[in-house]
Amino acid sequence: MRVGMDFGTTNSGIAVYDGYKINVLTLDPFSESEVVRSVIYLTRDHQVYVGDEAINLYNAQNINRERRMVRRKVGHIQMEFSEIGKVETDVHIMIDEFEPGRLMRSLKSALATPYNGTLIFGREYSLESLIALFLSTARERAEKQLGKPIHAVTLGRPVHFVGAETPEDDQRAENRLREAAHRAGFEEVSFEYEPVAAAKHYALSVKNPQRILVYDFGGGTLDLTVMSLHPGHAPEVLAIGGVGIAGDRFDQRLVEHALTPHFGRDVTWGDKDLPIPRTLIDQITVWEGLPTLATLETRAFLHRAQMGCSAPVRLFALESLIFNFYGFALFETVEQAKRRLSDLPFTEIRFEGNEIDIWQLVTRAQFEYYTRGEWRRIREEVVETLNRAGLRTGDIDAVVRTGGSSSIPASLEMLEELFGAEKLVEEDLFTGVTAGLGITAWEHSAG
C-alpha cells in the first residue's frame, strides 16, 4: 500500500485516497489530532516517543531537574607541528550525567545543512536515522489504523529546503529525506512538491480552468507555485519560488525583541559596565541553541556578573532559563501568543518558573514591526515568482493559502493588496498538503 505523507517542520500527517474520498489519518492518539507534532524524544535507554507524548514526557522529566556535569573522553587526536613534531591528546567533553532524554524538533530544517548527526547517550545518530525514528513511528500508527502494511510513500518536499543556497543543496536534502524514509521501512519513495500537492486537493473543487498561486506558508518555509488548472488534467506548473522564512522565524523575532530584555539583554556588569556578551543573548532566540549554553563556564560567568550588575534579577532569570530546561516551554508559550495575535490586536506572553516571572504585552503592530524585514522579502518573492511565470497579479484567478502561518494578518493584508481579497481561498491549513499527497500517492499506484 502507498500513502501520502507530509513530513513538516512543525506538524506531519498521512493521507490515503481511493479516487473518491480522502482519508487523513489521526496520527497522534494523545491529542486525537489529524496531525502529529514533528518532535521526537529519545530517552537514555533509547526509547523513542513522538508528538505530544514526547513533549509531555520531556517536560515531566526535565523541567527543574538536577544536573551533574562530568568530563568524559570521546576520542583521541594526533597533531603535527613543524617546530615540535607530533602531539597526541585526548578529546573530552562535558556531559550531563543525569540527562534522562533528548528532545529534537524541526529536524526537517537541517536536511540542507552540513549537520550530519550527533552522539546521544553513547550511540551515534545520523540526521537520517533520527528522522527515520519519527517516520517509522508514523508509519506504524498508520498501518494500525488502515489494518494493512504500508510499503510505499509519496513524501512532500518544499520548493527550497531551509538553508539551501543552490539546486545541489536542495537535491542533497531530498536524497537525505529519501534515505530516512527507506530506513523507516518504506520500500518505495517518491516526492511531490508540497504546493503542487495542495493544488491537487484544491483542484477537486474546481469546475473551470484557472491560473492559481499556491501560497504554502508553514513552520519552516514559504513555498510558492504558479499553476494552470484544467479540470480532469494534472496541474501545469508555470513557476516555482520560495524562501526559508516561516513560523519558526517569527517565533525567534518575538523572543528577540519582546523577551530577551527579561533575560539580561540590556544589563551591564562589572566596574566597566560591560554588556552581557551578545553571543549569549543571541542563543536565547533559538531553542536548539539553549542547551549548548548549559556549561560550567556559562554558570561561572553568570555568577560573577550577578554579583555586580545593573539588574541581577534578569541574570537570575537567564540562569534559570538555561539550567532548569525552560527553553522549550518558553518557545511553546511564544508560539501560542503569536497565534492569538492572528485574532486579537494584542495579547500577553505570560511565563513563570524558578526566578522567572514574565508578563509581557505584545501588540499585533509590534509583531509586524519586529518581522518587517521578513515580510518585505516574502512580498518580493511573490512578485518575482509571478514574473518568472510571465504573469501579473491580475492574471491570477485564485490565491490558494495553506499552512498555519498563511493566516497571519500581515500575510493576508499583503496578499489582499496584491491580488484582492476576493481571490484569496483558504485550503485546509494544516491538512491541505497532506490530502494532496494522498491524491498523488493514489495517482502513482493507479498509473
Protein backbone atom coordinates (compact mmCIF):
# COMPACT_ATOMS: atom_id res chain seq x y z
CA MET A 1 0.00 0.00 0.00
CA ARG A 2 1.16 3.55 -0.81
CA VAL A 3 0.29 6.60 1.29
CA GLY A 4 0.95 10.30 1.02
CA MET A 5 2.90 11.88 3.86
CA ASP A 6 3.63 15.47 4.74
CA PHE A 7 6.72 15.44 6.97
CA GLY A 8 6.59 19.02 8.15
CA THR A 9 8.87 21.24 10.18
CA THR A 10 6.19 21.68 12.85
CA ASN A 11 3.46 19.11 12.10
CA SER A 12 3.18 15.96 10.00
CA GLY A 13 0.31 13.96 8.52
CA ILE A 14 -0.55 10.91 6.41
CA ALA A 15 -3.45 10.55 3.96
CA VAL A 16 -4.87 7.94 1.59
CA TYR A 17 -7.20 8.43 -1.38
CA ASP A 18 -9.30 5.89 -3.27
CA GLY A 19 -10.37 8.06 -6.18
CA TYR A 20 -13.49 9.25 -4.36
CA LYS A 21 -12.68 10.11 -0.77
CA ILE A 22 -9.63 11.42 1.05
CA ASN A 23 -8.87 9.95 4.47
CA VAL A 24 -6.46 11.99 6.59
CA LEU A 25 -5.39 9.67 9.39
CA THR A 26 -5.32 10.52 13.09
CA LEU A 27 -1.64 10.11 13.84
CA ASP A 28 -1.42 11.35 17.42
CA PRO A 29 -3.57 9.31 19.83
CA PHE A 30 -2.50 11.59 22.67
CA SER A 31 -4.07 14.68 21.09
CA GLU A 32 -6.60 12.96 18.81
CA SER A 33 -5.42 15.25 16.03
CA GLU A 34 -5.06 14.58 12.31
CA VAL A 35 -1.55 16.00 12.55
CA VAL A 36 1.27 14.96 14.85
CA ARG A 37 3.92 17.34 16.11
CA SER A 38 7.22 16.69 14.32
CA VAL A 39 9.06 16.13 17.59
CA ILE A 40 10.95 13.13 18.95
CA TYR A 41 12.15 12.45 22.47
CA LEU A 42 14.90 9.87 22.83
CA THR A 43 15.41 8.55 26.35
CA ARG A 44 18.66 7.37 27.93
CA ASP A 45 17.69 3.74 27.19
CA HIS A 46 16.99 4.76 23.56
CA GLN A 47 13.22 4.52 23.74
CA VAL A 48 11.51 6.76 21.17
CA TYR A 49 8.47 8.98 21.74
CA VAL A 50 6.92 11.34 19.21
CA GLY A 51 4.35 14.14 19.11
CA ASP A 52 2.52 15.31 22.21
CA GLU A 53 3.67 12.28 24.19
CA ALA A 54 7.29 13.30 23.53
CA ILE A 55 6.68 16.88 24.64
CA ASN A 56 4.81 15.87 27.79
CA LEU A 57 7.47 13.35 28.80
CA TYR A 58 10.31 15.80 28.12
CA ASN A 59 8.69 18.46 30.30
CA ALA A 60 7.92 15.97 33.08
CA GLN A 61 11.45 14.55 33.16
CA ASN A 62 13.48 17.70 32.62
CA ILE A 63 11.98 20.93 33.95
CA ASN A 64 13.65 21.84 37.26
CA ARG A 65 15.61 18.60 37.42
CA GLU A 66 19.09 18.25 38.95
CA ARG A 67 22.15 18.39 36.71
CA ARG A 68 25.61 16.92 37.15
CA MET A 69 28.23 17.86 34.58
CA VAL A 70 31.11 15.42 34.22
CA ARG A 71 34.14 15.37 31.92
CA ARG A 72 34.17 12.42 29.56
CA LYS A 73 36.66 11.25 26.97
CA VAL A 74 35.18 11.00 23.47
CA GLY A 75 38.25 10.44 21.34
CA HIS A 76 41.93 10.83 20.67
CA ILE A 77 43.64 13.08 18.12
CA GLN A 78 47.17 13.45 16.79
CA MET A 79 48.53 16.76 15.52
CA GLU A 80 51.86 17.53 13.91
CA PHE A 81 53.70 20.85 14.22
CA SER A 82 56.79 21.84 12.31
CA GLU A 83 58.53 23.15 15.43
CA ILE A 84 57.85 20.35 17.90
CA GLY A 85 56.69 17.39 15.83
CA LYS A 86 53.75 15.14 16.69
CA VAL A 87 51.47 15.87 19.64
CA GLU A 88 48.82 13.43 20.83
CA THR A 89 45.97 14.34 23.13
CA ASP A 90 42.65 13.01 24.35
CA VAL A 91 39.45 14.84 23.48
CA HIS A 92 36.99 15.42 26.32
CA ILE A 93 33.55 16.98 26.54
CA MET A 94 31.33 17.94 29.44
CA ILE A 95 28.13 15.92 29.62
CA ASP A 96 25.12 15.99 31.91
CA GLU A 97 25.24 12.65 33.69
CA PHE A 98 21.64 13.00 34.89
CA GLU A 99 20.10 13.85 31.50
CA PRO A 100 17.11 11.49 31.10
CA GLY A 101 16.43 12.13 27.43
CA ARG A 102 16.98 14.38 24.42
CA LEU A 103 14.19 16.32 22.66
CA MET A 104 14.57 17.15 18.97
CA ARG A 105 12.34 19.30 16.79
CA SER A 106 12.47 20.96 13.36
CA LEU A 107 14.68 18.12 12.07
CA LYS A 108 13.48 18.83 8.54
CA SER A 109 15.18 22.22 8.69
CA ALA A 110 18.60 20.52 8.99
CA LEU A 111 18.36 18.48 5.78
CA ALA A 112 20.08 21.09 3.58
CA THR A 113 22.70 21.99 6.20
CA PRO A 114 26.10 20.38 6.92
CA TYR A 115 24.64 18.83 10.10
CA ASN A 116 25.26 15.09 9.96
CA GLY A 117 24.10 13.91 13.37
CA THR A 118 25.15 13.66 16.97
CA LEU A 119 26.18 11.34 19.78
CA ILE A 120 23.23 10.60 22.06
CA PHE A 121 23.78 8.53 25.20
CA GLY A 122 26.78 6.73 23.75
CA ARG A 123 25.21 5.96 20.38
CA GLU A 124 25.85 7.78 17.11
CA TYR A 125 22.71 9.00 15.36
CA SER A 126 22.87 10.46 11.87
CA LEU A 127 20.27 13.04 10.86
CA GLU A 128 18.75 10.43 8.55
CA SER A 129 18.41 7.91 11.37
CA LEU A 130 16.79 10.50 13.68
CA ILE A 131 14.22 11.40 11.03
CA ALA A 132 13.69 7.68 10.37
CA LEU A 133 12.70 7.20 14.02
CA PHE A 134 9.88 9.69 13.53
CA LEU A 135 8.82 8.38 10.10
CA SER A 136 8.75 4.76 11.26
CA THR A 137 6.54 5.62 14.25
CA ALA A 138 4.15 7.49 11.95
CA ARG A 139 4.12 4.54 9.51
CA GLU A 140 3.35 2.05 12.29
CA ARG A 141 0.47 4.19 13.57
CA ALA A 142 -0.92 4.50 10.04
CA GLU A 143 -0.68 0.74 9.48
CA LYS A 144 -2.59 0.13 12.70
CA GLN A 145 -5.43 2.38 11.53
CA LEU A 146 -5.52 1.04 7.99
CA GLY A 147 -5.13 -2.60 9.00
CA LYS A 148 -2.58 -3.34 6.29
CA PRO A 149 1.17 -2.90 5.74
CA ILE A 150 2.47 0.23 4.04
CA HIS A 151 5.34 -0.40 1.65
CA ALA A 152 5.48 2.87 -0.30
CA VAL A 153 5.14 6.59 0.37
CA THR A 154 4.84 9.81 -1.57
CA LEU A 155 6.58 12.44 0.54
CA GLY A 156 6.09 16.15 0.24
CA ARG A 157 9.09 18.38 -0.14
CA PRO A 158 9.40 22.16 -0.15
CA VAL A 159 10.41 24.03 -3.26
CA HIS A 160 13.53 25.12 -1.40
CA PHE A 161 14.62 23.44 1.83
CA VAL A 162 15.58 25.65 4.75
CA GLY A 163 19.23 26.62 4.39
CA ALA A 164 19.52 25.56 0.73
CA GLU A 165 21.51 28.04 -1.35
CA THR A 166 21.89 26.05 -4.58
CA PRO A 167 19.91 23.42 -6.51
CA GLU A 168 22.53 20.93 -5.36
CA ASP A 169 21.68 21.72 -1.73
CA ASP A 170 18.00 21.03 -2.42
CA GLN A 171 18.81 17.74 -4.16
CA ARG A 172 21.06 16.66 -1.32
CA ALA A 173 18.29 17.43 1.17
CA GLU A 174 15.81 15.36 -0.86
CA ASN A 175 18.28 12.48 -1.05
CA ARG A 176 18.74 12.56 2.73
CA LEU A 177 14.98 12.53 3.27
CA ARG A 178 14.69 9.59 0.85
CA GLU A 179 17.33 7.68 2.80
CA ALA A 180 15.50 8.39 6.06
CA ALA A 181 12.25 7.05 4.56
CA HIS A 182 13.98 3.86 3.42
CA ARG A 183 15.40 3.39 6.89
CA ALA A 184 11.89 3.85 8.28
CA GLY A 185 10.67 0.82 6.33
CA PHE A 186 9.28 2.39 3.15
CA GLU A 187 10.48 0.25 0.24
CA GLU A 188 9.42 2.75 -2.44
CA VAL A 189 9.78 6.51 -2.01
CA SER A 190 8.64 9.25 -4.38
CA PHE A 191 8.32 13.01 -3.95
CA GLU A 192 5.89 15.77 -4.79
CA TYR A 193 6.30 19.49 -4.26
CA GLU A 194 4.15 20.46 -1.30
CA PRO A 195 2.39 23.38 -3.05
CA VAL A 196 1.62 21.14 -6.04
CA ALA A 197 0.02 18.68 -3.63
CA ALA A 198 -2.09 21.49 -2.15
CA ALA A 199 -3.17 22.49 -5.66
CA LYS A 200 -4.28 18.93 -6.44
CA HIS A 201 -6.52 18.93 -3.39
CA TYR A 202 -7.92 22.33 -4.32
CA ALA A 203 -8.46 21.19 -7.93
CA LEU A 204 -11.03 18.63 -6.79
CA SER A 205 -13.47 21.50 -6.29
CA VAL A 206 -12.57 23.44 -9.47
CA LYS A 207 -15.09 23.37 -12.33
CA ASN A 208 -13.44 25.77 -14.76
CA PRO A 209 -9.84 26.41 -15.89
CA GLN A 210 -7.90 28.66 -13.53
CA ARG A 211 -4.48 30.12 -13.07
CA ILE A 212 -3.62 29.99 -9.39
CA LEU A 213 -0.88 30.88 -6.97
CA VAL A 214 -0.41 28.35 -4.17
CA TYR A 215 0.88 30.14 -1.07
CA ASP A 216 2.12 27.38 1.25
CA PHE A 217 3.34 29.03 4.45
CA GLY A 218 4.15 26.64 7.29
CA GLY A 219 6.61 26.34 10.14
CA GLY A 220 9.85 26.12 8.17
CA THR A 221 9.45 27.55 4.65
CA LEU A 222 7.25 29.61 2.37
CA ASP A 223 6.64 27.77 -0.91
CA LEU A 224 5.10 29.47 -3.93
CA THR A 225 3.85 27.79 -7.09
CA VAL A 226 2.05 29.34 -10.03
CA MET A 227 -0.08 26.74 -11.82
CA SER A 228 -2.63 26.36 -14.54
CA LEU A 229 -5.55 24.11 -13.62
CA HIS A 230 -7.80 22.33 -16.10
CA PRO A 231 -10.45 20.02 -14.62
CA GLY A 232 -9.63 16.40 -15.35
CA HIS A 233 -5.96 17.11 -16.05
CA ALA A 234 -2.83 17.31 -13.91
CA PRO A 235 -1.87 20.85 -12.83
CA GLU A 236 0.64 22.56 -15.12
CA VAL A 237 3.41 24.24 -13.16
CA LEU A 238 4.30 27.63 -14.60
CA ALA A 239 6.81 28.80 -11.97
CA ILE A 240 8.02 27.94 -8.52
CA GLY A 241 9.62 30.01 -5.77
CA GLY A 242 10.11 30.14 -2.06
CA VAL A 243 12.16 31.38 0.87
CA GLY A 244 13.36 29.82 4.11
CA ILE A 245 11.11 32.05 6.20
CA ALA A 246 8.09 30.82 8.16
CA GLY A 247 6.60 30.36 11.58
CA ASP A 248 9.80 29.39 13.40
CA ARG A 249 11.49 32.62 12.25
CA PHE A 250 8.61 34.71 13.58
CA ASP A 251 8.83 32.96 16.96
CA GLN A 252 12.51 33.89 17.07
CA ARG A 253 11.73 37.54 16.33
CA LEU A 254 9.21 37.69 19.18
CA VAL A 255 11.75 36.22 21.60
CA GLU A 256 14.49 38.52 20.32
CA HIS A 257 12.54 41.76 20.65
CA ALA A 258 9.99 41.12 23.40
CA LEU A 259 11.69 38.66 25.75
CA THR A 260 15.47 38.99 25.68
CA PRO A 261 15.28 42.15 27.87
CA HIS A 262 13.84 39.89 30.60
CA PHE A 263 16.95 37.71 30.32
CA GLY A 264 19.63 40.38 30.52
CA ARG A 265 19.96 41.82 27.03
CA ASP A 266 20.38 45.37 28.35
CA VAL A 267 22.13 44.52 31.63
CA THR A 268 25.64 45.83 32.31
CA TRP A 269 28.05 44.31 34.80
CA GLY A 270 31.40 44.89 36.50
CA ASP A 271 33.36 48.06 37.20
CA LYS A 272 33.44 48.94 33.50
CA ASP A 273 29.70 48.42 32.95
CA LEU A 274 30.30 45.77 30.32
CA PRO A 275 27.34 44.42 28.31
CA ILE A 276 26.29 40.79 28.55
CA PRO A 277 28.02 39.01 25.61
CA ARG A 278 25.86 39.22 22.51
CA THR A 279 26.64 35.60 21.66
CA LEU A 280 24.97 34.57 24.90
CA ILE A 281 21.83 36.63 24.25
CA ASP A 282 21.57 35.53 20.61
CA GLN A 283 21.45 31.87 21.64
CA ILE A 284 18.25 32.56 23.60
CA THR A 285 16.39 33.27 20.34
CA VAL A 286 16.96 29.73 19.03
CA TRP A 287 15.56 26.98 21.21
CA GLU A 288 18.04 24.45 19.85
CA GLY A 289 20.86 26.74 20.95
CA LEU A 290 19.85 26.95 24.58
CA PRO A 291 21.15 23.51 25.64
CA THR A 292 24.61 24.44 24.32
CA LEU A 293 24.76 27.21 26.93
CA ALA A 294 24.38 24.79 29.83
CA THR A 295 28.08 24.60 30.65
CA LEU A 296 30.12 25.19 33.78
CA GLU A 297 31.73 28.18 32.05
CA THR A 298 28.35 29.82 31.42
CA ARG A 299 27.24 29.30 35.00
CA ALA A 300 30.53 30.65 36.37
CA PHE A 301 30.23 33.76 34.21
CA LEU A 302 26.63 34.39 35.26
CA HIS A 303 27.54 34.06 38.93
CA ARG A 304 30.34 36.62 38.52
CA ALA A 305 28.08 39.01 36.63
CA GLN A 306 25.20 38.65 39.09
CA MET A 307 27.42 39.91 41.91
CA GLY A 308 27.85 43.32 40.33
CA CYS A 309 25.34 44.11 37.61
CA SER A 310 22.62 46.65 36.91
CA ALA A 311 19.74 44.14 37.22
CA PRO A 312 20.63 40.85 38.97
CA VAL A 313 17.07 39.56 38.66
CA ARG A 314 17.48 39.44 34.85
CA LEU A 315 20.58 37.28 35.09
CA PHE A 316 18.95 35.03 37.68
CA ALA A 317 16.17 34.52 35.11
CA LEU A 318 18.70 33.77 32.38
CA GLU A 319 20.47 31.20 34.55
CA SER A 320 17.15 29.54 35.38
CA LEU A 321 16.07 29.51 31.72
CA ILE A 322 19.25 27.70 30.74
CA PHE A 323 19.79 25.34 33.64
CA ASN A 324 16.18 24.49 34.56
CA PHE A 325 15.31 23.48 30.97
CA TYR A 326 12.58 26.05 30.39
CA GLY A 327 13.60 26.72 26.78
CA PHE A 328 11.10 24.50 25.00
CA ALA A 329 8.23 25.57 27.26
CA LEU A 330 9.13 29.23 26.65
CA PHE A 331 9.01 28.82 22.88
CA GLU A 332 5.71 26.95 23.12
CA THR A 333 4.31 29.92 25.07
CA VAL A 334 5.62 32.34 22.45
CA GLU A 335 4.10 30.33 19.59
CA GLN A 336 0.72 30.34 21.32
CA ALA A 337 0.93 34.12 21.74
CA LYS A 338 1.81 34.50 18.06
CA ARG A 339 -1.27 32.51 17.10
CA ARG A 340 -3.50 34.65 19.34
CA LEU A 341 -2.25 37.76 17.56
CA SER A 342 -3.94 36.48 14.40
CA ASP A 343 -7.31 37.06 16.12
CA LEU A 344 -6.54 39.79 18.67
CA PRO A 345 -4.95 43.27 18.43
CA PHE A 346 -2.78 42.46 21.45
CA THR A 347 -2.01 39.61 23.82
CA GLU A 348 0.27 38.81 26.73
CA ILE A 349 3.22 36.47 26.97
CA ARG A 350 2.93 35.00 30.46
CA PHE A 351 5.71 32.72 31.64
CA GLU A 352 6.62 31.63 35.16
CA GLY A 353 9.35 29.46 36.63
CA ASN A 354 12.02 29.47 39.29
CA GLU A 355 13.46 33.02 39.27
CA ILE A 356 11.33 33.79 36.18
CA ASP A 357 8.14 35.84 36.23
CA ILE A 358 7.31 37.39 32.85
CA TRP A 359 4.19 39.31 31.88
CA GLN A 360 4.88 40.97 28.56
CA LEU A 361 2.22 42.70 26.49
CA VAL A 362 2.72 42.39 22.73
CA THR A 363 0.58 44.12 20.13
CA ARG A 364 -0.04 42.95 16.60
CA ALA A 365 1.54 46.20 15.37
CA GLN A 366 4.70 45.44 17.34
CA PHE A 367 4.84 41.91 15.97
CA GLU A 368 4.54 43.22 12.42
CA TYR A 369 7.30 45.74 13.12
CA TYR A 370 9.58 43.04 14.50
CA THR A 371 9.09 40.97 11.34
CA ARG A 372 9.03 43.78 8.76
CA GLY A 373 12.21 42.55 7.06
CA GLU A 374 10.74 39.08 6.59
CA TRP A 375 7.51 40.44 5.12
CA ARG A 376 9.45 42.62 2.69
CA ARG A 377 11.38 39.57 1.45
CA ILE A 378 8.20 37.49 1.19
CA ARG A 379 6.45 40.14 -0.90
CA GLU A 380 9.43 40.39 -3.23
CA GLU A 381 9.46 36.61 -3.70
CA VAL A 382 5.73 36.54 -4.56
CA VAL A 383 6.24 39.19 -7.26
CA GLU A 384 9.41 37.53 -8.58
CA THR A 385 7.65 34.16 -8.85
CA LEU A 386 4.82 35.72 -10.86
CA ASN A 387 7.38 37.38 -13.13
CA ARG A 388 9.03 34.02 -13.78
CA ALA A 389 5.64 32.69 -14.85
CA GLY A 390 5.22 35.66 -17.21
CA LEU A 391 2.12 36.80 -15.33
CA ARG A 392 0.88 39.82 -13.42
CA THR A 393 -1.21 39.81 -10.27
CA GLY A 394 -4.35 40.47 -12.33
CA ASP A 395 -3.79 37.26 -14.30
CA ILE A 396 -4.24 35.11 -11.20
CA ASP A 397 -7.75 33.74 -10.65
CA ALA A 398 -7.19 32.42 -7.11
CA VAL A 399 -4.56 32.51 -4.38
CA VAL A 400 -4.73 29.21 -2.53
CA ARG A 401 -3.48 29.60 1.06
CA THR A 402 -2.33 26.66 3.10
CA GLY A 403 -0.08 26.21 6.13
CA GLY A 404 -0.67 27.64 9.60
CA SER A 405 1.38 30.80 9.01
CA SER A 406 -0.72 31.78 5.98
CA SER A 407 -3.44 33.17 8.28
CA ILE A 408 -1.18 35.71 9.98
CA PRO A 409 -2.94 39.08 9.39
CA ALA A 410 0.15 40.69 7.83
CA SER A 411 0.22 37.84 5.34
CA LEU A 412 -3.46 38.29 4.46
CA GLU A 413 -3.06 42.06 4.10
CA MET A 414 -0.10 41.63 1.75
CA LEU A 415 -1.98 39.14 -0.44
CA GLU A 416 -5.13 41.28 -0.45
CA GLU A 417 -3.10 44.30 -1.54
CA LEU A 418 -1.53 42.37 -4.41
CA PHE A 419 -4.46 40.27 -5.62
CA GLY A 420 -7.68 41.48 -3.96
CA ALA A 421 -9.47 39.88 -1.04
CA GLU A 422 -12.00 38.17 -3.32
CA LYS A 423 -9.27 35.97 -4.83
CA LEU A 424 -8.00 34.50 -1.57
CA VAL A 425 -9.02 30.89 -0.99
CA GLU A 426 -8.25 29.06 2.26
CA GLU A 427 -7.24 25.47 1.64
CA ASP A 428 -7.24 23.22 4.72
CA LEU A 429 -4.46 25.00 6.61
CA PHE A 430 -2.97 22.01 8.40
CA THR A 431 -4.01 19.09 6.20
CA GLY A 432 -4.35 20.50 2.67
CA VAL A 433 -0.86 19.40 1.64
CA THR A 434 -1.30 16.03 3.34
CA ALA A 435 -4.56 15.44 1.47
CA GLY A 436 -2.96 16.39 -1.84
CA LEU A 437 -0.09 13.98 -1.22
CA GLY A 438 -2.68 11.27 -0.67
CA ILE A 439 -4.03 12.06 -4.14
CA THR A 440 -0.54 11.91 -5.67
CA ALA A 441 0.09 8.57 -3.98
CA TRP A 442 -3.14 7.20 -5.45
CA GLU A 443 -2.20 8.51 -8.92
CA HIS A 444 1.15 6.78 -8.63
CA SER A 445 -0.45 3.48 -7.64
CA ALA A 446 -3.19 3.73 -10.27
CA GLY A 447 -0.79 4.69 -13.03
